[in-house]
Amino acid sequence: MTVLKPIIIVDDNHEDLFILKRLLTRAGVKNGFVSFDHAEEAMRFLEAAMRVPETNLIPAVIFSDKRMPGHDGFAFLKWVREQPALAMLPFFLLTSVADPKDEERAVKLGVTRFMEKFPPENVFSEIFGTQYDKFHS
């Protein structure tokens, strides 16, 4: 039996966490979710997962809000890209207000996709359908 890697979701708004989990579930995603209110919490979790990779806790993908207290989504993205074990992970940055300058900054930092909250369900189906192997290996 294949153990699916978790999906990390970081957002300080609990309603947005709920909505994103629901959209992903409706899109057919079977991976478990590990959610955090702040990027710093997710960073600690990921540091522990990297220390013991056999736990299979290095995620399949990361979804993060752009604007949060403490480390924002940009700082979190930059940190993830600096970690050799995480650098290639798909990283989706979500925002309530789409600003082309923010998108440009995210692209420079290596975001997989910058998107406004919340894209239609079919966007998640497309992401997980076309990149299925990345999320299930």
N, C-alpha and C. Protein backbone atom coordinates (compact mmCIF):
# COMPACT_ATOMS: atom_id res chain seq x y z
N MET A 1 0.84 -1.19 0.00
CA MET A 1 0.00 0.00 0.00
C MET A 1 0.89 1.25 0.00
N THR A 2 0.60 2.16 -0.88
CA THR A 2 1.35 3.39 -0.98
C THR A 2 0.84 4.40 0.03
N VAL A 3 1.77 4.97 0.77
CA VAL A 3 1.41 6.02 1.72
C VAL A 3 1.54 7.35 1.00
N LEU A 4 0.48 8.11 0.97
CA LEU A 4 0.49 9.40 0.29
C LEU A 4 1.16 10.45 1.16
N LYS A 5 1.99 11.24 0.54
CA LYS A 5 2.64 12.34 1.27
C LYS A 5 1.59 13.39 1.61
N PRO A 6 1.78 14.08 2.72
CA PRO A 6 0.77 15.08 3.11
C PRO A 6 0.83 16.34 2.24
N ILE A 7 -0.22 17.09 2.32
CA ILE A 7 -0.29 18.41 1.71
C ILE A 7 -0.22 19.42 2.85
N ILE A 8 0.72 20.33 2.77
CA ILE A 8 0.87 21.38 3.78
C ILE A 8 0.05 22.58 3.34
N ILE A 9 -0.75 23.11 4.27
CA ILE A 9 -1.53 24.32 4.02
C ILE A 9 -1.23 25.30 5.14
N VAL A 10 -0.84 26.52 4.77
CA VAL A 10 -0.50 27.54 5.76
C VAL A 10 -1.37 28.77 5.51
N ASP A 11 -2.17 29.10 6.50
CA ASP A 11 -3.04 30.29 6.40
C ASP A 11 -3.49 30.65 7.81
N ASP A 12 -3.40 31.91 8.16
CA ASP A 12 -3.81 32.34 9.49
C ASP A 12 -5.33 32.49 9.62
N ASN A 13 -6.05 32.35 8.52
CA ASN A 13 -7.51 32.46 8.53
C ASN A 13 -8.11 31.05 8.49
N HIS A 14 -8.74 30.64 9.58
CA HIS A 14 -9.26 29.28 9.69
C HIS A 14 -10.37 29.00 8.69
N GLU A 15 -11.16 30.00 8.35
CA GLU A 15 -12.21 29.80 7.34
C GLU A 15 -11.58 29.50 5.98
N ASP A 16 -10.50 30.21 5.66
CA ASP A 16 -9.81 29.96 4.38
C ASP A 16 -9.17 28.57 4.37
N LEU A 17 -8.64 28.14 5.51
CA LEU A 17 -8.09 26.78 5.60
C LEU A 17 -9.18 25.76 5.30
N PHE A 18 -10.33 25.95 5.91
CA PHE A 18 -11.46 25.04 5.72
C PHE A 18 -11.88 25.00 4.24
N ILE A 19 -12.01 26.16 3.64
CA ILE A 19 -12.44 26.24 2.24
C ILE A 19 -11.45 25.54 1.32
N LEU A 20 -10.16 25.79 1.53
CA LEU A 20 -9.15 25.17 0.68
C LEU A 20 -9.15 23.65 0.84
N LYS A 21 -9.24 23.17 2.05
CA LYS A 21 -9.30 21.72 2.27
C LYS A 21 -10.52 21.12 1.57
N ARG A 22 -11.64 21.81 1.68
CA ARG A 22 -12.87 21.33 1.04
C ARG A 22 -12.73 21.29 -0.48
N LEU A 23 -12.17 22.34 -1.06
CA LEU A 23 -11.97 22.37 -2.52
C LEU A 23 -11.03 21.25 -2.98
N LEU A 24 -9.98 21.04 -2.24
CA LEU A 24 -9.03 19.97 -2.60
C LEU A 24 -9.69 18.60 -2.49
N THR A 25 -10.47 18.39 -1.45
CA THR A 25 -11.16 17.12 -1.26
C THR A 25 -12.16 16.90 -2.39
N ARG A 26 -12.91 17.94 -2.73
CA ARG A 26 -13.89 17.84 -3.81
C ARG A 26 -13.23 17.58 -5.16
N ALA A 27 -11.97 18.02 -5.29
CA ALA A 27 -11.23 17.80 -6.53
C ALA A 27 -10.67 16.37 -6.59
N GLY A 28 -10.90 15.60 -5.54
CA GLY A 28 -10.49 14.21 -5.55
C GLY A 28 -9.13 13.93 -4.92
N VAL A 29 -8.56 14.92 -4.26
CA VAL A 29 -7.27 14.74 -3.61
C VAL A 29 -7.43 13.82 -2.40
N LYS A 30 -6.61 12.78 -2.34
CA LYS A 30 -6.70 11.78 -1.28
C LYS A 30 -5.62 11.96 -0.20
N ASN A 31 -4.64 12.80 -0.46
CA ASN A 31 -3.57 13.05 0.51
C ASN A 31 -4.16 13.66 1.78
N GLY A 32 -3.51 13.38 2.90
CA GLY A 32 -3.89 14.02 4.14
C GLY A 32 -3.42 15.46 4.16
N PHE A 33 -4.03 16.26 5.01
CA PHE A 33 -3.66 17.67 5.14
C PHE A 33 -2.99 17.91 6.48
N VAL A 34 -1.96 18.72 6.46
CA VAL A 34 -1.33 19.21 7.68
C VAL A 34 -1.39 20.73 7.56
N SER A 35 -2.13 21.37 8.48
CA SER A 35 -2.32 22.82 8.35
C SER A 35 -1.68 23.56 9.52
N PHE A 36 -1.26 24.78 9.20
CA PHE A 36 -0.60 25.64 10.17
C PHE A 36 -1.15 27.05 10.04
N ASP A 37 -1.19 27.75 11.17
CA ASP A 37 -1.65 29.13 11.20
C ASP A 37 -0.57 30.11 10.75
N HIS A 38 0.68 29.71 10.92
CA HIS A 38 1.81 30.62 10.64
C HIS A 38 2.92 29.86 9.94
N ALA A 39 3.65 30.55 9.10
CA ALA A 39 4.75 29.94 8.37
C ALA A 39 5.81 29.38 9.29
N GLU A 40 6.06 30.06 10.41
CA GLU A 40 7.10 29.58 11.33
C GLU A 40 6.78 28.17 11.85
N GLU A 41 5.50 27.90 12.10
CA GLU A 41 5.10 26.57 12.56
C GLU A 41 5.36 25.54 11.46
N ALA A 42 5.02 25.88 10.23
CA ALA A 42 5.25 24.98 9.11
C ALA A 42 6.75 24.74 8.91
N MET A 43 7.55 25.78 9.09
CA MET A 43 8.99 25.64 8.94
C MET A 43 9.56 24.67 9.98
N ARG A 44 9.10 24.77 11.21
CA ARG A 44 9.56 23.83 12.25
C ARG A 44 9.17 22.40 11.90
N PHE A 45 7.95 22.21 11.43
CA PHE A 45 7.49 20.89 11.01
C PHE A 45 8.37 20.35 9.88
N LEU A 46 8.63 21.19 8.89
CA LEU A 46 9.43 20.76 7.75
C LEU A 46 10.88 20.47 8.14
N GLU A 47 11.42 21.25 9.06
CA GLU A 47 12.77 20.97 9.55
C GLU A 47 12.83 19.59 10.19
N ALA A 48 11.82 19.25 10.99
CA ALA A 48 11.77 17.93 11.62
C ALA A 48 11.59 16.84 10.56
N ALA A 49 10.75 17.07 9.57
CA ALA A 49 10.53 16.09 8.50
C ALA A 49 11.81 15.85 7.71
N MET A 50 12.61 16.89 7.50
CA MET A 50 13.87 16.73 6.77
C MET A 50 14.90 15.95 7.59
N ARG A 51 14.86 16.11 8.91
CA ARG A 51 15.80 15.38 9.77
C ARG A 51 15.53 13.87 9.76
N VAL A 52 14.26 13.51 9.58
CA VAL A 52 13.87 12.09 9.61
C VAL A 52 13.02 11.79 8.37
N PRO A 53 13.64 11.76 7.19
CA PRO A 53 12.87 11.61 5.95
C PRO A 53 12.07 10.31 5.85
N GLU A 54 12.49 9.27 6.57
CA GLU A 54 11.77 8.00 6.49
C GLU A 54 10.37 8.07 7.10
N THR A 55 10.04 9.17 7.79
CA THR A 55 8.69 9.33 8.34
C THR A 55 7.67 9.64 7.24
N ASN A 56 8.16 9.94 6.03
CA ASN A 56 7.30 10.27 4.89
C ASN A 56 6.46 11.53 5.15
N LEU A 57 7.01 12.46 5.93
CA LEU A 57 6.29 13.70 6.24
C LEU A 57 6.72 14.88 5.37
N ILE A 58 7.72 14.68 4.53
CA ILE A 58 8.05 15.74 3.58
C ILE A 58 6.85 15.79 2.63
N PRO A 59 6.24 16.95 2.48
CA PRO A 59 4.96 17.01 1.76
C PRO A 59 5.06 16.78 0.26
N ALA A 60 3.91 16.49 -0.31
CA ALA A 60 3.78 16.37 -1.75
C ALA A 60 3.71 17.76 -2.38
N VAL A 61 3.12 18.69 -1.64
CA VAL A 61 2.88 20.04 -2.16
C VAL A 61 2.62 20.97 -0.98
N ILE A 62 2.86 22.25 -1.20
CA ILE A 62 2.59 23.27 -0.19
C ILE A 62 1.67 24.33 -0.78
N PHE A 63 0.63 24.67 -0.02
CA PHE A 63 -0.23 25.82 -0.32
C PHE A 63 -0.03 26.81 0.81
N SER A 64 0.22 28.06 0.47
CA SER A 64 0.43 29.08 1.50
C SER A 64 -0.29 30.36 1.14
N ASP A 65 -0.83 31.00 2.16
CA ASP A 65 -1.38 32.34 2.01
C ASP A 65 -0.22 33.30 1.78
N LYS A 66 -0.48 34.36 1.07
CA LYS A 66 0.56 35.36 0.81
C LYS A 66 0.78 36.23 2.03
N ARG A 67 -0.29 36.68 2.65
CA ARG A 67 -0.17 37.65 3.74
C ARG A 67 -0.55 37.01 5.07
N MET A 68 0.45 36.94 5.94
CA MET A 68 0.26 36.38 7.28
C MET A 68 1.15 37.14 8.24
N PRO A 69 0.81 37.11 9.52
CA PRO A 69 1.71 37.74 10.51
C PRO A 69 3.02 36.95 10.60
N GLY A 70 4.08 37.61 11.01
CA GLY A 70 5.38 36.96 11.07
C GLY A 70 5.91 36.79 9.65
N HIS A 71 6.40 35.61 9.35
CA HIS A 71 6.87 35.32 7.99
C HIS A 71 5.66 35.29 7.07
N ASP A 72 5.69 36.08 6.03
CA ASP A 72 4.60 36.04 5.06
C ASP A 72 4.86 34.90 4.06
N GLY A 73 3.95 34.74 3.10
CA GLY A 73 4.09 33.67 2.12
C GLY A 73 5.35 33.79 1.29
N PHE A 74 5.79 35.00 1.00
CA PHE A 74 7.02 35.20 0.22
C PHE A 74 8.24 34.69 1.00
N ALA A 75 8.32 35.05 2.28
CA ALA A 75 9.45 34.61 3.10
C ALA A 75 9.44 33.09 3.24
N PHE A 76 8.26 32.52 3.39
CA PHE A 76 8.14 31.07 3.50
C PHE A 76 8.58 30.39 2.20
N LEU A 77 8.12 30.91 1.08
CA LEU A 77 8.51 30.38 -0.23
C LEU A 77 10.03 30.45 -0.40
N LYS A 78 10.62 31.58 -0.07
CA LYS A 78 12.07 31.74 -0.18
C LYS A 78 12.79 30.70 0.68
N TRP A 79 12.32 30.51 1.91
CA TRP A 79 12.93 29.54 2.81
C TRP A 79 12.83 28.13 2.24
N VAL A 80 11.65 27.77 1.73
CA VAL A 80 11.46 26.43 1.15
C VAL A 80 12.42 26.22 -0.01
N ARG A 81 12.56 27.20 -0.88
CA ARG A 81 13.44 27.06 -2.05
C ARG A 81 14.91 26.97 -1.65
N GLU A 82 15.25 27.43 -0.46
CA GLU A 82 16.65 27.37 0.02
C GLU A 82 16.98 26.03 0.66
N GLN A 83 15.98 25.19 0.90
CA GLN A 83 16.21 23.88 1.53
C GLN A 83 16.38 22.84 0.43
N PRO A 84 17.54 22.21 0.31
CA PRO A 84 17.76 21.25 -0.77
C PRO A 84 16.70 20.14 -0.83
N ALA A 85 16.24 19.65 0.30
CA ALA A 85 15.26 18.56 0.31
C ALA A 85 13.86 19.02 -0.09
N LEU A 86 13.64 20.33 -0.10
CA LEU A 86 12.30 20.87 -0.39
C LEU A 86 12.27 21.71 -1.66
N ALA A 87 13.41 22.04 -2.18
CA ALA A 87 13.53 23.05 -3.25
C ALA A 87 12.66 22.77 -4.48
N MET A 88 12.41 21.51 -4.77
CA MET A 88 11.63 21.18 -5.97
C MET A 88 10.15 20.93 -5.70
N LEU A 89 9.74 21.09 -4.45
CA LEU A 89 8.32 20.86 -4.12
C LEU A 89 7.41 21.85 -4.84
N PRO A 90 6.28 21.39 -5.33
CA PRO A 90 5.30 22.34 -5.87
C PRO A 90 4.83 23.26 -4.73
N PHE A 91 4.84 24.55 -4.99
CA PHE A 91 4.48 25.55 -3.98
C PHE A 91 3.49 26.51 -4.62
N PHE A 92 2.29 26.56 -4.05
CA PHE A 92 1.22 27.42 -4.55
C PHE A 92 0.99 28.54 -3.55
N LEU A 93 1.07 29.77 -4.03
CA LEU A 93 0.88 30.94 -3.18
C LEU A 93 -0.50 31.52 -3.49
N LEU A 94 -1.31 31.65 -2.45
CA LEU A 94 -2.68 32.14 -2.61
C LEU A 94 -2.82 33.53 -2.02
N THR A 95 -3.66 34.33 -2.65
CA THR A 95 -3.86 35.70 -2.19
C THR A 95 -5.31 36.11 -2.30
N SER A 96 -5.73 36.99 -1.42
CA SER A 96 -7.09 37.55 -1.50
C SER A 96 -7.16 38.67 -2.53
N VAL A 97 -6.02 39.33 -2.72
CA VAL A 97 -5.95 40.45 -3.66
C VAL A 97 -4.80 40.20 -4.64
N ALA A 98 -5.15 39.94 -5.88
CA ALA A 98 -4.13 39.68 -6.90
C ALA A 98 -3.48 40.98 -7.34
N ASP A 99 -2.18 41.06 -7.19
CA ASP A 99 -1.41 42.23 -7.60
C ASP A 99 -0.30 41.72 -8.52
N PRO A 100 -0.22 42.26 -9.75
CA PRO A 100 0.81 41.79 -10.69
C PRO A 100 2.24 41.88 -10.13
N LYS A 101 2.51 42.88 -9.29
CA LYS A 101 3.84 43.00 -8.70
C LYS A 101 4.11 41.85 -7.74
N ASP A 102 3.09 41.45 -6.99
CA ASP A 102 3.24 40.31 -6.08
C ASP A 102 3.47 39.02 -6.87
N GLU A 103 2.74 38.88 -7.97
CA GLU A 103 2.91 37.69 -8.79
C GLU A 103 4.33 37.64 -9.37
N GLU A 104 4.81 38.77 -9.82
CA GLU A 104 6.17 38.84 -10.37
C GLU A 104 7.20 38.46 -9.29
N ARG A 105 7.01 38.98 -8.11
CA ARG A 105 7.91 38.66 -6.99
C ARG A 105 7.88 37.15 -6.68
N ALA A 106 6.68 36.59 -6.65
CA ALA A 106 6.53 35.16 -6.36
C ALA A 106 7.22 34.31 -7.44
N VAL A 107 7.06 34.69 -8.68
CA VAL A 107 7.69 33.96 -9.78
C VAL A 107 9.22 34.01 -9.64
N LYS A 108 9.75 35.16 -9.29
CA LYS A 108 11.20 35.29 -9.09
C LYS A 108 11.70 34.40 -7.95
N LEU A 109 10.85 34.19 -6.96
CA LEU A 109 11.22 33.34 -5.82
C LEU A 109 11.02 31.85 -6.10
N GLY A 110 10.38 31.53 -7.23
CA GLY A 110 10.23 30.13 -7.61
C GLY A 110 8.89 29.50 -7.33
N VAL A 111 7.83 30.30 -7.25
CA VAL A 111 6.50 29.76 -7.01
C VAL A 111 6.09 28.86 -8.18
N THR A 112 5.36 27.81 -7.87
CA THR A 112 4.81 26.95 -8.91
C THR A 112 3.64 27.64 -9.59
N ARG A 113 2.79 28.24 -8.76
CA ARG A 113 1.64 28.98 -9.29
C ARG A 113 1.17 29.98 -8.24
N PHE A 114 0.87 31.17 -8.70
CA PHE A 114 0.35 32.25 -7.86
C PHE A 114 -1.12 32.38 -8.23
N MET A 115 -2.01 32.28 -7.25
CA MET A 115 -3.43 32.33 -7.60
C MET A 115 -4.27 33.04 -6.55
N GLU A 116 -5.34 33.61 -7.06
CA GLU A 116 -6.28 34.31 -6.20
C GLU A 116 -7.17 33.30 -5.47
N LYS A 117 -7.51 33.63 -4.21
CA LYS A 117 -8.43 32.78 -3.45
C LYS A 117 -9.83 33.00 -4.01
N PHE A 118 -10.55 32.04 -4.23
CA PHE A 118 -10.21 30.65 -4.38
C PHE A 118 -10.51 30.26 -5.80
N PRO A 119 -9.61 29.54 -6.42
CA PRO A 119 -9.88 29.14 -7.82
C PRO A 119 -10.99 28.10 -7.86
N PRO A 120 -11.63 27.96 -9.01
CA PRO A 120 -12.67 26.95 -9.14
C PRO A 120 -12.09 25.55 -8.91
N GLU A 121 -12.97 24.63 -8.51
CA GLU A 121 -12.56 23.25 -8.24
C GLU A 121 -11.78 22.63 -9.38
N ASN A 122 -12.19 22.92 -10.61
CA ASN A 122 -11.54 22.29 -11.76
C ASN A 122 -10.06 22.66 -11.86
N VAL A 123 -9.67 23.81 -11.29
CA VAL A 123 -8.25 24.19 -11.29
C VAL A 123 -7.46 23.19 -10.46
N PHE A 124 -7.99 22.81 -9.30
CA PHE A 124 -7.32 21.82 -8.46
C PHE A 124 -7.32 20.45 -9.12
N SER A 125 -8.42 20.09 -9.76
CA SER A 125 -8.48 18.82 -10.48
C SER A 125 -7.42 18.79 -11.57
N GLU A 126 -7.27 19.90 -12.26
CA GLU A 126 -6.27 20.01 -13.32
C GLU A 126 -4.86 19.89 -12.75
N ILE A 127 -4.59 20.62 -11.67
CA ILE A 127 -3.26 20.60 -11.04
C ILE A 127 -2.92 19.18 -10.62
N PHE A 128 -3.81 18.54 -9.90
CA PHE A 128 -3.52 17.21 -9.37
C PHE A 128 -3.64 16.14 -10.44
N GLY A 129 -4.42 16.41 -11.47
CA GLY A 129 -4.53 15.44 -12.56
C GLY A 129 -3.31 15.44 -13.45
N THR A 130 -2.81 16.60 -13.81
CA THR A 130 -1.66 16.69 -14.72
C THR A 130 -0.34 16.42 -14.03
N GLN A 131 -0.32 16.58 -12.71
CA GLN A 131 0.92 16.37 -11.97
C GLN A 131 0.75 15.22 -10.97
N TYR A 132 -0.09 14.26 -11.31
CA TYR A 132 -0.46 13.17 -10.41
C TYR A 132 0.75 12.50 -9.76
N ASP A 133 1.75 12.15 -10.57
CA ASP A 133 2.90 11.43 -10.03
C ASP A 133 3.63 12.20 -8.96
N LYS A 134 3.69 13.51 -9.09
CA LYS A 134 4.40 14.33 -8.10
C LYS A 134 3.73 14.23 -6.72
N PHE A 135 2.42 14.08 -6.70
CA PHE A 135 1.69 14.10 -5.44
C PHE A 135 1.50 12.72 -4.84
N HIS A 136 1.82 11.69 -5.58
CA HIS A 136 1.59 10.34 -5.08
C HIS A 136 2.85 9.51 -4.95
N SER A 137 3.98 10.08 -5.24
CA SER A 137 5.22 9.29 -5.14
C SER A 137 5.90 9.51 -3.81
